[in-house]
């Protein structure tokens, strides 16, 4: 069975509890760069299943924190 990266990441986390998912995210932030694709896939899932108002809040948060 040949899985692409997205599928592999989803399969790694799909049966985790909310607490375990939070630990995966927090454990990946600021860590090894190899975790970045996984965070990207998780963000993609969040983004595609979030309404426009929350998406705008996420963009605003990002924008505010990119400014020095």
PDB file of N, CA and C in Angstrom:
ATOM      1  N   UNK A   1       0.847  -1.181   0.000  1.00  0.00           N
ATOM      2  CA  UNK A   1       0.000   0.000   0.000  1.00  0.00           C
ATOM      3  C   UNK A   1       0.888   1.238   0.000  1.00  0.00           C
ATOM      4  N   UNK A   2       0.718   2.101  -0.975  1.00  0.00           N
ATOM      5  CA  UNK A   2       1.541   3.290  -1.126  1.00  0.00           C
ATOM      6  C   UNK A   2       0.735   4.517  -0.709  1.00  0.00           C
ATOM      7  N   UNK A   3       1.132   5.157   0.396  1.00  0.00           N
ATOM      8  CA  UNK A   3       0.425   6.328   0.916  1.00  0.00           C
ATOM      9  C   UNK A   3       1.184   7.602   0.592  1.00  0.00           C
ATOM     10  N   UNK A   4       0.465   8.648   0.267  1.00  0.00           N
ATOM     11  CA  UNK A   4       1.151   9.918   0.121  1.00  0.00           C
ATOM     12  C   UNK A   4       1.339  10.539   1.499  1.00  0.00           C
ATOM     13  N   UNK A   5       2.072  11.623   1.561  1.00  0.00           N
ATOM     14  CA  UNK A   5       2.414  12.253   2.838  1.00  0.00           C
ATOM     15  C   UNK A   5       1.169  12.670   3.620  1.00  0.00           C
ATOM     16  N   UNK A   6       0.203  13.289   2.950  1.00  0.00           N
ATOM     17  CA  UNK A   6      -1.025  13.712   3.638  1.00  0.00           C
ATOM     18  C   UNK A   6      -1.724  12.522   4.295  1.00  0.00           C
ATOM     19  N   UNK A   7      -1.892  11.458   3.539  1.00  0.00           N
ATOM     20  CA  UNK A   7      -2.563  10.274   4.075  1.00  0.00           C
ATOM     21  C   UNK A   7      -1.795   9.693   5.256  1.00  0.00           C
ATOM     22  N   UNK A   8      -0.492   9.653   5.163  1.00  0.00           N
ATOM     23  CA  UNK A   8       0.328   9.103   6.246  1.00  0.00           C
ATOM     24  C   UNK A   8       0.166   9.937   7.519  1.00  0.00           C
ATOM     25  N   UNK A   9       0.143  11.242   7.376  1.00  0.00           N
ATOM     26  CA  UNK A   9      -0.005  12.126   8.542  1.00  0.00           C
ATOM     27  C   UNK A   9      -1.387  11.961   9.150  1.00  0.00           C
ATOM     28  N   UNK A  10      -2.413  11.930   8.311  1.00  0.00           N
ATOM     29  CA  UNK A  10      -3.775  11.766   8.812  1.00  0.00           C
ATOM     30  C   UNK A  10      -3.903  10.431   9.538  1.00  0.00           C
ATOM     31  N   UNK A  11      -3.380   9.397   8.971  1.00  0.00           N
ATOM     32  CA  UNK A  11      -3.466   8.077   9.621  1.00  0.00           C
ATOM     33  C   UNK A  11      -2.739   8.060  10.957  1.00  0.00           C
ATOM     34  N   UNK A  12      -1.662   8.830  11.058  1.00  0.00           N
ATOM     35  CA  UNK A  12      -0.899   8.883  12.308  1.00  0.00           C
ATOM     36  C   UNK A  12      -1.699   9.506  13.445  1.00  0.00           C
ATOM     37  N   UNK A  13      -2.601  10.415  13.118  1.00  0.00           N
ATOM     38  CA  UNK A  13      -3.301  11.158  14.165  1.00  0.00           C
ATOM     39  C   UNK A  13      -4.809  10.904  14.226  1.00  0.00           C
ATOM     40  N   UNK A  14      -5.362  10.174  13.303  1.00  0.00           N
ATOM     41  CA  UNK A  14      -6.817  10.091  13.191  1.00  0.00           C
ATOM     42  C   UNK A  14      -7.516   9.473  14.406  1.00  0.00           C
ATOM     43  N   UNK A  15      -6.877   8.632  15.150  1.00  0.00           N
ATOM     44  CA  UNK A  15      -7.527   7.996  16.301  1.00  0.00           C
ATOM     45  C   UNK A  15      -7.123   8.608  17.640  1.00  0.00           C
ATOM     46  N   UNK A  16      -6.451   9.729  17.594  1.00  0.00           N
ATOM     47  CA  UNK A  16      -5.990  10.366  18.834  1.00  0.00           C
ATOM     48  C   UNK A  16      -7.112  11.178  19.485  1.00  0.00           C
ATOM     49  N   UNK A  17      -7.039  11.306  20.794  1.00  0.00           N
ATOM     50  CA  UNK A  17      -7.992  12.135  21.536  1.00  0.00           C
ATOM     51  C   UNK A  17      -7.656  13.612  21.306  1.00  0.00           C
ATOM     52  N   UNK A  18      -8.542  14.482  21.748  1.00  0.00           N
ATOM     53  CA  UNK A  18      -8.281  15.925  21.645  1.00  0.00           C
ATOM     54  C   UNK A  18      -6.987  16.295  22.362  1.00  0.00           C
ATOM     55  N   UNK A  19      -6.785  15.743  23.538  1.00  0.00           N
ATOM     56  CA  UNK A  19      -5.570  16.030  24.299  1.00  0.00           C
ATOM     57  C   UNK A  19      -4.326  15.539  23.553  1.00  0.00           C
ATOM     58  N   UNK A  20      -4.407  14.365  22.982  1.00  0.00           N
ATOM     59  CA  UNK A  20      -3.268  13.829  22.230  1.00  0.00           C
ATOM     60  C   UNK A  20      -2.991  14.659  20.979  1.00  0.00           C
ATOM     61  N   UNK A  21      -4.055  15.126  20.308  1.00  0.00           N
ATOM     62  CA  UNK A  21      -3.862  15.987  19.137  1.00  0.00           C
ATOM     63  C   UNK A  21      -3.169  17.281  19.534  1.00  0.00           C
ATOM     64  N   UNK A  22      -3.587  17.851  20.655  1.00  0.00           N
ATOM     65  CA  UNK A  22      -2.944  19.081  21.144  1.00  0.00           C
ATOM     66  C   UNK A  22      -1.462  18.824  21.426  1.00  0.00           C
ATOM     67  N   UNK A  23      -1.155  17.692  22.025  1.00  0.00           N
ATOM     68  CA  UNK A  23       0.237  17.336  22.314  1.00  0.00           C
ATOM     69  C   UNK A  23       1.052  17.188  21.034  1.00  0.00           C
ATOM     70  N   UNK A  24       0.452  16.603  20.005  1.00  0.00           N
ATOM     71  CA  UNK A  24       1.138  16.473  18.709  1.00  0.00           C
ATOM     72  C   UNK A  24       1.467  17.858  18.168  1.00  0.00           C
ATOM     73  N   UNK A  25       0.488  18.752  18.196  1.00  0.00           N
ATOM     74  CA  UNK A  25       0.693  20.109  17.676  1.00  0.00           C
ATOM     75  C   UNK A  25       1.742  20.844  18.492  1.00  0.00           C
ATOM     76  N   UNK A  26       1.572  20.864  19.806  1.00  0.00           N
ATOM     77  CA  UNK A  26       2.511  21.594  20.655  1.00  0.00           C
ATOM     78  C   UNK A  26       3.906  20.987  20.606  1.00  0.00           C
ATOM     79  N   UNK A  27       3.987  19.683  20.464  1.00  0.00           N
ATOM     80  CA  UNK A  27       5.284  19.029  20.379  1.00  0.00           C
ATOM     81  C   UNK A  27       6.008  19.299  19.070  1.00  0.00           C
ATOM     82  N   UNK A  28       5.248  19.687  18.044  1.00  0.00           N
ATOM     83  CA  UNK A  28       5.834  19.960  16.730  1.00  0.00           C
ATOM     84  C   UNK A  28       6.262  21.410  16.569  1.00  0.00           C
ATOM     85  N   UNK A  29       5.614  22.308  17.303  1.00  0.00           N
ATOM     86  CA  UNK A  29       5.908  23.740  17.176  1.00  0.00           C
ATOM     87  C   UNK A  29       7.272  24.034  17.780  1.00  0.00           C
ATOM     88  N   UNK A  30       8.083  24.707  16.994  1.00  0.00           N
ATOM     89  CA  UNK A  30       9.405  25.099  17.469  1.00  0.00           C
ATOM     90  C   UNK A  30      10.396  23.953  17.497  1.00  0.00           C
ATOM     91  N   UNK A  31       9.977  22.807  17.034  1.00  0.00           N
ATOM     92  CA  UNK A  31      10.857  21.643  17.048  1.00  0.00           C
ATOM     93  C   UNK A  31      11.603  21.474  15.733  1.00  0.00           C
ATOM     94  N   UNK A  32      11.906  20.261  15.450  1.00  0.00           N
ATOM     95  CA  UNK A  32      12.621  19.885  14.236  1.00  0.00           C
ATOM     96  C   UNK A  32      11.821  20.294  12.999  1.00  0.00           C
ATOM     97  N   UNK A  33      12.501  20.792  11.992  1.00  0.00           N
ATOM     98  CA  UNK A  33      11.831  21.216  10.759  1.00  0.00           C
ATOM     99  C   UNK A  33      11.098  20.068  10.063  1.00  0.00           C
ATOM    100  N   UNK A  34      11.442  18.851  10.377  1.00  0.00           N
ATOM    101  CA  UNK A  34      10.759  17.706   9.759  1.00  0.00           C
ATOM    102  C   UNK A  34       9.296  17.644  10.180  1.00  0.00           C
ATOM    103  N   UNK A  35       8.933  18.309  11.272  1.00  0.00           N
ATOM    104  CA  UNK A  35       7.541  18.321  11.729  1.00  0.00           C
ATOM    105  C   UNK A  35       6.687  19.314  10.947  1.00  0.00           C
ATOM    106  N   UNK A  36       7.306  20.235  10.228  1.00  0.00           N
ATOM    107  CA  UNK A  36       6.547  21.284   9.539  1.00  0.00           C
ATOM    108  C   UNK A  36       5.559  20.755   8.500  1.00  0.00           C
ATOM    109  N   UNK A  37       5.906  19.759   7.690  1.00  0.00           N
ATOM    110  CA  UNK A  37       4.893  19.240   6.755  1.00  0.00           C
ATOM    111  C   UNK A  37       3.664  18.686   7.483  1.00  0.00           C
ATOM    112  N   UNK A  38       3.880  18.045   8.611  1.00  0.00           N
ATOM    113  CA  UNK A  38       2.761  17.521   9.386  1.00  0.00           C
ATOM    114  C   UNK A  38       1.863  18.623   9.896  1.00  0.00           C
ATOM    115  N   UNK A  39       2.470  19.691  10.398  1.00  0.00           N
ATOM    116  CA  UNK A  39       1.679  20.838  10.854  1.00  0.00           C
ATOM    117  C   UNK A  39       0.920  21.460   9.688  1.00  0.00           C
ATOM    118  N   UNK A  40       1.549  21.475   8.533  1.00  0.00           N
ATOM    119  CA  UNK A  40       0.884  22.013   7.345  1.00  0.00           C
ATOM    120  C   UNK A  40      -0.351  21.210   6.973  1.00  0.00           C
ATOM    121  N   UNK A  41      -0.246  19.902   7.043  1.00  0.00           N
ATOM    122  CA  UNK A  41      -1.394  19.047   6.742  1.00  0.00           C
ATOM    123  C   UNK A  41      -2.504  19.257   7.767  1.00  0.00           C
ATOM    124  N   UNK A  42      -2.133  19.335   9.041  1.00  0.00           N
ATOM    125  CA  UNK A  42      -3.139  19.565  10.079  1.00  0.00           C
ATOM    126  C   UNK A  42      -3.802  20.927   9.901  1.00  0.00           C
ATOM    127  N   UNK A  43      -3.010  21.948   9.561  1.00  0.00           N
ATOM    128  CA  UNK A  43      -3.587  23.270   9.319  1.00  0.00           C
ATOM    129  C   UNK A  43      -4.517  23.243   8.110  1.00  0.00           C
ATOM    130  N   UNK A  44      -4.138  22.514   7.085  1.00  0.00           N
ATOM    131  CA  UNK A  44      -4.974  22.395   5.891  1.00  0.00           C
ATOM    132  C   UNK A  44      -6.348  21.805   6.252  1.00  0.00           C
ATOM    133  N   UNK A  45      -6.359  20.799   7.114  1.00  0.00           N
ATOM    134  CA  UNK A  45      -7.613  20.195   7.548  1.00  0.00           C
ATOM    135  C   UNK A  45      -8.439  21.214   8.324  1.00  0.00           C
ATOM    136  N   UNK A  46      -7.789  21.916   9.241  1.00  0.00           N
ATOM    137  CA  UNK A  46      -8.495  22.946  10.016  1.00  0.00           C
ATOM    138  C   UNK A  46      -9.072  23.998   9.077  1.00  0.00           C
ATOM    139  N   UNK A  47      -8.268  24.490   8.170  1.00  0.00           N
ATOM    140  CA  UNK A  47      -8.671  25.569   7.266  1.00  0.00           C
ATOM    141  C   UNK A  47      -9.860  25.169   6.396  1.00  0.00           C
ATOM    142  N   UNK A  48      -9.814  23.978   5.839  1.00  0.00           N
ATOM    143  CA  UNK A  48     -10.874  23.571   4.911  1.00  0.00           C
ATOM    144  C   UNK A  48     -12.185  23.227   5.616  1.00  0.00           C
ATOM    145  N   UNK A  49     -12.130  23.075   6.934  1.00  0.00           N
ATOM    146  CA  UNK A  49     -13.344  22.738   7.678  1.00  0.00           C
ATOM    147  C   UNK A  49     -13.736  23.839   8.667  1.00  0.00           C
ATOM    148  N   UNK A  50     -13.311  25.055   8.380  1.00  0.00           N
ATOM    149  CA  UNK A  50     -13.586  26.195   9.237  1.00  0.00           C
ATOM    150  C   UNK A  50     -14.335  27.243   8.425  1.00  0.00           C
ATOM    151  N   UNK A  51     -15.280  27.914   9.064  1.00  0.00           N
ATOM    152  CA  UNK A  51     -16.038  28.928   8.328  1.00  0.00           C
ATOM    153  C   UNK A  51     -15.175  30.173   8.085  1.00  0.00           C
ATOM    154  N   UNK A  52     -15.681  31.016   7.206  1.00  0.00           N
ATOM    155  CA  UNK A  52     -14.918  32.182   6.753  1.00  0.00           C
ATOM    156  C   UNK A  52     -14.550  33.137   7.880  1.00  0.00           C
ATOM    157  N   UNK A  53     -15.415  33.296   8.879  1.00  0.00           N
ATOM    158  CA  UNK A  53     -15.123  34.201   9.990  1.00  0.00           C
ATOM    159  C   UNK A  53     -13.899  33.713  10.773  1.00  0.00           C
ATOM    160  N   UNK A  54     -13.835  32.443  11.061  1.00  0.00           N
ATOM    161  CA  UNK A  54     -12.689  31.907  11.792  1.00  0.00           C
ATOM    162  C   UNK A  54     -11.439  31.957  10.923  1.00  0.00           C
ATOM    163  N   UNK A  55     -11.589  31.695   9.631  1.00  0.00           N
ATOM    164  CA  UNK A  55     -10.440  31.824   8.728  1.00  0.00           C
ATOM    165  C   UNK A  55      -9.883  33.234   8.781  1.00  0.00           C
ATOM    166  N   UNK A  56     -10.759  34.238   8.783  1.00  0.00           N
ATOM    167  CA  UNK A  56     -10.299  35.623   8.841  1.00  0.00           C
ATOM    168  C   UNK A  56      -9.600  35.911  10.162  1.00  0.00           C
ATOM    169  N   UNK A  57     -10.106  35.354  11.254  1.00  0.00           N
ATOM    170  CA  UNK A  57      -9.441  35.513  12.549  1.00  0.00           C
ATOM    171  C   UNK A  57      -8.049  34.883  12.524  1.00  0.00           C
ATOM    172  N   UNK A  58      -7.931  33.740  11.904  1.00  0.00           N
ATOM    173  CA  UNK A  58      -6.625  33.093  11.785  1.00  0.00           C
ATOM    174  C   UNK A  58      -5.659  33.942  10.967  1.00  0.00           C
ATOM    175  N   UNK A  59      -6.159  34.489   9.858  1.00  0.00           N
ATOM    176  CA  UNK A  59      -5.329  35.365   9.022  1.00  0.00           C
ATOM    177  C   UNK A  59      -4.919  36.606   9.801  1.00  0.00           C
ATOM    178  N   UNK A  60      -5.857  37.194  10.539  1.00  0.00           N
ATOM    179  CA  UNK A  60      -5.538  38.383  11.347  1.00  0.00           C
ATOM    180  C   UNK A  60      -4.480  38.066  12.396  1.00  0.00           C
ATOM    181  N   UNK A  61      -4.626  36.927  13.066  1.00  0.00           N
ATOM    182  CA  UNK A  61      -3.639  36.518  14.058  1.00  0.00           C
ATOM    183  C   UNK A  61      -2.274  36.339  13.424  1.00  0.00           C
ATOM    184  N   UNK A  62      -2.241  35.692  12.280  1.00  0.00           N
ATOM    185  CA  UNK A  62      -0.972  35.505  11.576  1.00  0.00           C
ATOM    186  C   UNK A  62      -0.357  36.840  11.203  1.00  0.00           C
ATOM    187  N   UNK A  63      -1.151  37.705  10.614  1.00  0.00           N
ATOM    188  CA  UNK A  63      -0.658  39.014  10.184  1.00  0.00           C
ATOM    189  C   UNK A  63      -0.095  39.815  11.368  1.00  0.00           C
ATOM    190  N   UNK A  64      -0.829  39.815  12.472  1.00  0.00           N
ATOM    191  CA  UNK A  64      -0.370  40.565  13.669  1.00  0.00           C
ATOM    192  C   UNK A  64       0.946  40.027  14.202  1.00  0.00           C
ATOM    193  N   UNK A  65       1.150  38.746  14.075  1.00  0.00           N
ATOM    194  CA  UNK A  65       2.355  38.144  14.629  1.00  0.00           C
ATOM    195  C   UNK A  65       3.516  38.066  13.654  1.00  0.00           C
ATOM    196  N   UNK A  66       3.276  38.457  12.414  1.00  0.00           N
ATOM    197  CA  UNK A  66       4.368  38.549  11.435  1.00  0.00           C
ATOM    198  C   UNK A  66       5.018  39.928  11.481  1.00  0.00           C
ATOM    199  N   UNK A  67       4.290  40.897  11.990  1.00  0.00           N
ATOM    200  CA  UNK A  67       4.809  42.257  12.066  1.00  0.00           C
ATOM    201  C   UNK A  67       5.769  42.357  13.245  1.00  0.00           C
ATOM    202  N   UNK A  68       6.834  43.070  13.037  1.00  0.00           N
ATOM    203  CA  UNK A  68       7.845  43.207  14.104  1.00  0.00           C
ATOM    204  C   UNK A  68       7.637  44.475  14.860  1.00  0.00           C
TER     205      UNK A  68
END
